[in-house]
């Protein structure tokens, strides 16, 4: 008696219809992502085009009128030279760089201490740090400013960059310590213990082992802090009281009050504020994504 031939079932994903469904699914996802990207970038594109258009064109047509598009660099020249935006740009750099590096270094060292060092009340102190995350920073501005004036009157911190550096550093510590500590505790304990058995001190372990393997997390926090400081207006209003030290956010505010209807100048100034965060984010997005995903991968 001859056995019936076995029926071989071809997986659906290997058939033409299966491949067609997969291709259609990927294509639809790409279409949705492309539409979302265009919607997200549309305000930025509009601001960029407006910043290059003359005042007369802005008052007569919209930025999307590509058939009557006239571009000029006069807006940027006027904003940078006549309105002092170039000095404000340099002031923002002088504020943002130290206000990023100082909390980055302090938070990394504190996070290592809370993760791998033994000392009294370690967990209690860490809980206090976590509790500070729930305190709105706005309620501490006036007490901190008053303390700077009364305790250190001779330094005149608000007449320079010192007050805003200290303020940004102090208010950034709770989140930075919490973020980096949660990453440091995921490092392999055997790696730390092996270094201690070899006679390495905590400083050497932190500098030679922890920092190199934690670059994604440290870079991610650095990007967060830099973008926060660069775009900050509230702390600049409170802690920078010398008009020659105003950052770009305060310069834009003054530009808005002086030229409320001069959209070509406002667009040029606003895009100058945006360009550096965009460059920083897109150039360092690899570290940003790695830092966000590192804790979930380990």
Protein backbone atom coordinates (compact mmCIF):
# COMPACT_ATOMS: atom_id res chain seq x y z
CA UNK A 1 0.00 0.00 0.00
CA UNK A 2 1.48 3.32 -1.09
CA UNK A 3 1.63 6.08 1.53
CA UNK A 4 -0.02 9.38 0.72
CA UNK A 5 2.46 12.10 -0.15
CA UNK A 6 3.05 14.57 2.65
CA UNK A 7 1.71 18.06 2.13
CA UNK A 8 4.45 20.62 2.58
CA UNK A 9 3.17 23.93 3.90
CA UNK A 10 5.17 26.92 2.85
CA UNK A 11 5.37 29.61 5.56
CA UNK A 12 3.24 32.61 4.75
CA UNK A 13 6.20 34.95 5.04
CA UNK A 14 7.98 33.12 2.18
CA UNK A 15 5.16 33.40 -0.31
CA UNK A 16 4.64 36.28 -2.71
CA UNK A 17 1.55 37.45 -0.86
CA UNK A 18 3.43 37.35 2.47
CA UNK A 19 6.30 39.40 1.08
CA UNK A 20 3.83 41.83 -0.42
CA UNK A 21 2.07 42.28 2.94
CA UNK A 22 5.40 42.88 4.72
CA UNK A 23 6.46 45.43 2.11
CA UNK A 24 3.10 47.21 2.33
CA UNK A 25 3.32 47.25 6.12
CA UNK A 26 6.81 48.75 6.11
CA UNK A 27 5.80 51.25 3.44
CA UNK A 28 2.80 52.43 5.46
CA UNK A 29 4.95 52.82 8.57
CA UNK A 30 7.48 54.88 6.61
CA UNK A 31 4.71 57.06 5.23
CA UNK A 32 3.34 57.73 8.71
CA UNK A 33 6.82 58.53 10.05
CA UNK A 34 7.53 60.84 7.11
CA UNK A 35 4.26 62.73 7.70
CA UNK A 36 5.01 63.07 11.42
CA UNK A 37 8.53 64.31 10.64
CA UNK A 38 7.19 66.92 8.22
CA UNK A 39 4.59 68.11 10.75
CA UNK A 40 7.27 68.34 13.46
CA UNK A 41 9.73 70.22 11.21
CA UNK A 42 7.17 72.54 9.62
CA UNK A 43 7.38 75.33 12.25
CA UNK A 44 11.18 75.23 12.12
CA UNK A 45 11.20 75.39 8.33
CA UNK A 46 8.74 78.28 8.41
CA UNK A 47 10.89 80.15 10.93
CA UNK A 48 14.03 79.55 8.85
CA UNK A 49 12.43 80.80 5.63
CA UNK A 50 10.92 83.82 7.41
CA UNK A 51 14.30 84.76 8.86
CA UNK A 52 15.67 85.24 5.33
CA UNK A 53 12.68 87.14 3.88
CA UNK A 54 12.52 90.93 3.62
CA UNK A 55 10.05 92.85 5.77
CA UNK A 56 7.89 93.82 2.79
CA UNK A 57 7.48 90.20 1.69
CA UNK A 58 6.50 89.05 5.17
CA UNK A 59 3.76 91.69 5.34
CA UNK A 60 2.35 90.78 1.94
CA UNK A 61 2.63 86.98 1.57
CA UNK A 62 3.21 83.86 3.66
CA UNK A 63 6.49 82.01 3.89
CA UNK A 64 5.06 79.12 1.87
CA UNK A 65 4.70 81.32 -1.23
CA UNK A 66 7.68 79.81 -3.04
CA UNK A 67 6.85 81.52 -6.35
CA UNK A 68 7.50 84.99 -4.90
CA UNK A 69 10.40 84.06 -2.63
CA UNK A 70 13.12 86.67 -2.11
CA UNK A 71 15.90 85.84 0.34
CA UNK A 72 18.31 88.21 2.03
CA UNK A 73 20.95 88.16 4.77
CA UNK A 74 20.13 91.68 5.90
CA UNK A 75 17.96 90.40 8.76
CA UNK A 76 20.84 88.49 10.35
CA UNK A 77 23.26 91.34 9.77
CA UNK A 78 20.95 93.80 11.49
CA UNK A 79 20.22 91.49 14.41
CA UNK A 80 23.87 90.55 15.02
CA UNK A 81 25.29 94.05 14.70
CA UNK A 82 22.67 96.66 15.49
CA UNK A 83 20.77 94.67 18.14
CA UNK A 84 23.78 93.18 19.94
CA UNK A 85 22.80 89.57 19.35
CA UNK A 86 26.42 88.59 18.66
CA UNK A 87 27.47 89.62 22.17
CA UNK A 88 24.41 87.87 23.57
CA UNK A 89 25.45 84.72 21.69
CA UNK A 90 28.90 84.85 23.30
CA UNK A 91 27.31 85.47 26.70
CA UNK A 92 25.13 82.39 26.22
CA UNK A 93 28.22 80.31 25.43
CA UNK A 94 29.99 81.64 28.54
CA UNK A 95 26.94 80.68 30.63
CA UNK A 96 26.10 77.32 29.04
CA UNK A 97 29.52 75.66 28.91
CA UNK A 98 30.50 76.03 32.62
CA UNK A 99 26.88 75.41 33.68
CA UNK A 100 27.08 72.08 31.86
CA UNK A 101 30.58 70.94 32.81
CA UNK A 102 30.31 71.77 36.52
CA UNK A 103 27.17 69.73 37.30
CA UNK A 104 28.36 66.98 34.95
CA UNK A 105 31.56 66.46 36.93
CA UNK A 106 29.93 66.82 40.36
CA UNK A 107 27.00 64.54 39.49
CA UNK A 108 29.27 61.83 38.08
CA UNK A 109 31.45 61.76 41.21
CA UNK A 110 28.46 61.86 43.55
CA UNK A 111 26.70 59.11 41.60
CA UNK A 112 29.78 56.90 41.87
CA UNK A 113 29.92 57.51 45.62
CA UNK A 114 26.25 56.59 46.06
CA UNK A 115 26.72 53.48 43.90
CA UNK A 116 30.01 51.89 44.95
CA UNK A 117 31.32 53.57 48.11
CA UNK A 118 30.33 52.73 51.68
CA UNK A 119 29.78 55.61 54.11
CA UNK A 120 27.29 56.41 56.91
CA UNK A 121 23.76 57.46 55.93
CA UNK A 122 24.43 56.80 52.24
CA UNK A 123 20.90 55.63 51.44
CA UNK A 124 19.35 58.38 53.56
CA UNK A 125 21.28 61.06 51.75
CA UNK A 126 20.31 59.58 48.40
CA UNK A 127 16.64 59.62 49.39
CA UNK A 128 17.03 63.30 50.27
CA UNK A 129 18.52 63.92 46.83
CA UNK A 130 15.58 62.11 45.21
CA UNK A 131 13.17 64.13 47.35
CA UNK A 132 14.69 67.36 46.03
CA UNK A 133 13.44 66.39 42.57
CA UNK A 134 9.91 67.06 43.77
CA UNK A 135 10.66 70.64 44.86
CA UNK A 136 9.90 73.22 42.12
CA UNK A 137 13.06 75.17 41.40
CA UNK A 138 11.06 78.38 41.03
CA UNK A 139 10.30 78.52 44.77
CA UNK A 140 14.03 78.62 45.57
CA UNK A 141 15.06 81.44 43.23
CA UNK A 142 14.42 84.34 45.57
CA UNK A 143 15.95 82.70 48.70
CA UNK A 144 19.05 81.72 46.72
CA UNK A 145 19.37 85.22 45.24
CA UNK A 146 18.93 86.83 48.67
CA UNK A 147 21.52 84.48 50.17
CA UNK A 148 24.05 85.37 47.48
CA UNK A 149 23.60 89.07 48.14
CA UNK A 150 23.67 88.88 51.94
CA UNK A 151 26.28 86.16 52.52
CA UNK A 152 28.69 87.15 49.71
CA UNK A 153 28.07 90.87 49.13
CA UNK A 154 31.66 91.67 48.12
CA UNK A 155 31.71 89.17 45.25
CA UNK A 156 28.74 90.76 43.46
CA UNK A 157 27.88 87.46 41.83
CA UNK A 158 24.83 88.81 40.04
CA UNK A 159 26.95 91.39 38.21
CA UNK A 160 28.75 88.62 36.33
CA UNK A 161 28.28 84.97 35.46
CA UNK A 162 29.01 83.53 38.91
CA UNK A 163 25.44 83.59 40.20
CA UNK A 164 23.91 81.91 37.17
CA UNK A 165 26.70 79.28 37.10
CA UNK A 166 26.08 78.38 40.74
CA UNK A 167 22.31 78.41 40.30
CA UNK A 168 22.31 76.14 37.26
CA UNK A 169 24.77 73.79 38.94
CA UNK A 170 22.82 73.56 42.20
CA UNK A 171 19.43 73.00 40.59
CA UNK A 172 20.83 70.39 38.18
CA UNK A 173 22.43 68.18 40.84
CA UNK A 174 19.39 66.15 42.03
CA UNK A 175 18.35 64.98 38.57
CA UNK A 176 21.93 64.37 37.43
CA UNK A 177 22.87 62.35 40.51
CA UNK A 178 19.66 60.32 40.26
CA UNK A 179 20.14 59.61 36.54
CA UNK A 180 23.83 58.67 36.66
CA UNK A 181 23.54 56.68 39.88
CA UNK A 182 20.85 54.49 38.30
CA UNK A 183 23.25 53.79 35.46
CA UNK A 184 26.35 53.22 37.60
CA UNK A 185 24.68 50.57 39.75
CA UNK A 186 24.09 48.47 36.61
CA UNK A 187 27.84 48.13 36.00
CA UNK A 188 29.23 44.62 36.70
CA UNK A 189 30.29 44.41 40.37
CA UNK A 190 33.10 41.98 39.47
CA UNK A 191 34.78 44.69 37.44
CA UNK A 192 34.83 47.09 40.37
CA UNK A 193 35.93 44.44 42.89
CA UNK A 194 38.72 43.20 40.62
CA UNK A 195 40.11 46.71 40.40
CA UNK A 196 39.99 47.08 44.18
CA UNK A 197 41.77 43.74 44.66
CA UNK A 198 44.50 45.02 42.34
CA UNK A 199 44.95 47.98 44.68
CA UNK A 200 43.16 50.68 42.68
CA UNK A 201 41.72 53.55 44.69
CA UNK A 202 38.20 54.85 44.24
CA UNK A 203 39.53 57.83 42.32
CA UNK A 204 41.40 55.58 39.92
CA UNK A 205 38.43 53.23 39.53
CA UNK A 206 36.17 56.17 38.76
CA UNK A 207 38.58 57.75 36.30
CA UNK A 208 39.90 54.63 34.53
CA UNK A 209 36.92 52.25 34.62
CA UNK A 210 33.59 53.87 35.41
CA UNK A 211 33.87 56.98 33.25
CA UNK A 212 35.04 55.22 30.03
CA UNK A 213 32.22 52.64 30.13
CA UNK A 214 29.63 55.27 31.09
CA UNK A 215 30.26 57.73 28.28
CA UNK A 216 26.76 57.25 26.74
CA UNK A 217 24.97 58.00 30.01
CA UNK A 218 27.23 60.94 30.87
CA UNK A 219 26.87 62.36 27.35
CA UNK A 220 23.07 61.98 27.48
CA UNK A 221 22.91 63.95 30.73
CA UNK A 222 25.34 66.52 29.32
CA UNK A 223 23.04 67.05 26.32
CA UNK A 224 20.03 67.43 28.61
CA UNK A 225 21.81 69.99 30.77
CA UNK A 226 23.28 71.97 27.87
CA UNK A 227 19.93 72.28 26.10
CA UNK A 228 18.23 73.28 29.35
CA UNK A 229 20.79 76.02 30.10
CA UNK A 230 20.94 77.28 26.51
CA UNK A 231 17.16 77.72 26.30
CA UNK A 232 16.70 79.01 29.84
CA UNK A 233 15.10 82.41 30.38
CA UNK A 234 13.84 82.35 33.96
CA UNK A 235 17.23 81.93 35.67
CA UNK A 236 18.74 84.51 33.33
CA UNK A 237 16.05 86.99 34.41
CA UNK A 238 16.80 86.42 38.09
CA UNK A 239 20.55 85.80 38.34
CA UNK A 240 21.98 87.92 35.49
CA UNK A 241 21.43 91.59 36.28
CA UNK A 242 24.16 93.17 34.19
CA UNK A 243 22.80 94.15 30.77
CA UNK A 244 26.18 93.46 29.13
CA UNK A 245 25.98 89.83 30.31
CA UNK A 246 22.47 89.06 29.04
CA UNK A 247 22.16 85.73 27.15
CA UNK A 248 20.28 85.32 23.89
CA UNK A 249 16.99 84.43 25.54
CA UNK A 250 16.92 87.81 27.31
CA UNK A 251 18.08 89.56 24.16
CA UNK A 252 15.17 88.00 22.26
CA UNK A 253 12.81 89.22 24.97
CA UNK A 254 14.16 92.75 24.61
CA UNK A 255 13.93 92.43 20.83
CA UNK A 256 10.30 91.40 21.15
CA UNK A 257 9.47 94.38 23.35
CA UNK A 258 11.18 96.81 20.98
CA UNK A 259 10.12 95.30 17.67
CA UNK A 260 6.82 93.60 18.29
CA UNK A 261 5.82 93.75 14.62
CA UNK A 262 9.26 93.34 13.03
CA UNK A 263 8.83 89.66 12.28
CA UNK A 264 11.90 89.46 10.06
CA UNK A 265 14.15 90.50 12.96
CA UNK A 266 12.36 88.29 15.47
CA UNK A 267 12.60 85.27 13.16
CA UNK A 268 16.32 85.81 12.59
CA UNK A 269 16.99 86.20 16.30
CA UNK A 270 14.86 83.19 17.22
CA UNK A 271 16.64 80.97 14.70
CA UNK A 272 20.01 82.06 16.07
CA UNK A 273 18.85 80.80 19.46
CA UNK A 274 17.71 77.49 17.94
CA UNK A 275 20.66 76.68 15.69
CA UNK A 276 23.15 75.62 18.37
CA UNK A 277 20.77 73.21 20.20
CA UNK A 278 19.84 71.67 16.84
CA UNK A 279 23.49 71.16 15.91
CA UNK A 280 24.33 69.72 19.34
CA UNK A 281 21.39 67.34 19.36
CA UNK A 282 21.80 65.99 15.83
CA UNK A 283 25.58 65.67 16.10
CA UNK A 284 25.42 63.84 19.45
CA UNK A 285 22.15 61.95 19.02
CA UNK A 286 24.03 58.63 18.89
CA UNK A 287 25.27 59.13 22.46
CA UNK A 288 21.87 60.47 23.46
CA UNK A 289 20.04 57.33 22.31
CA UNK A 290 22.70 55.01 23.76
CA UNK A 291 22.49 56.78 27.10
CA UNK A 292 18.71 56.46 27.25
CA UNK A 293 18.77 52.77 26.32
CA UNK A 294 21.89 51.69 28.24
CA UNK A 295 20.12 51.01 31.51
CA UNK A 296 17.45 48.85 29.85
CA UNK A 297 19.96 46.78 27.89
CA UNK A 298 22.17 45.78 30.82
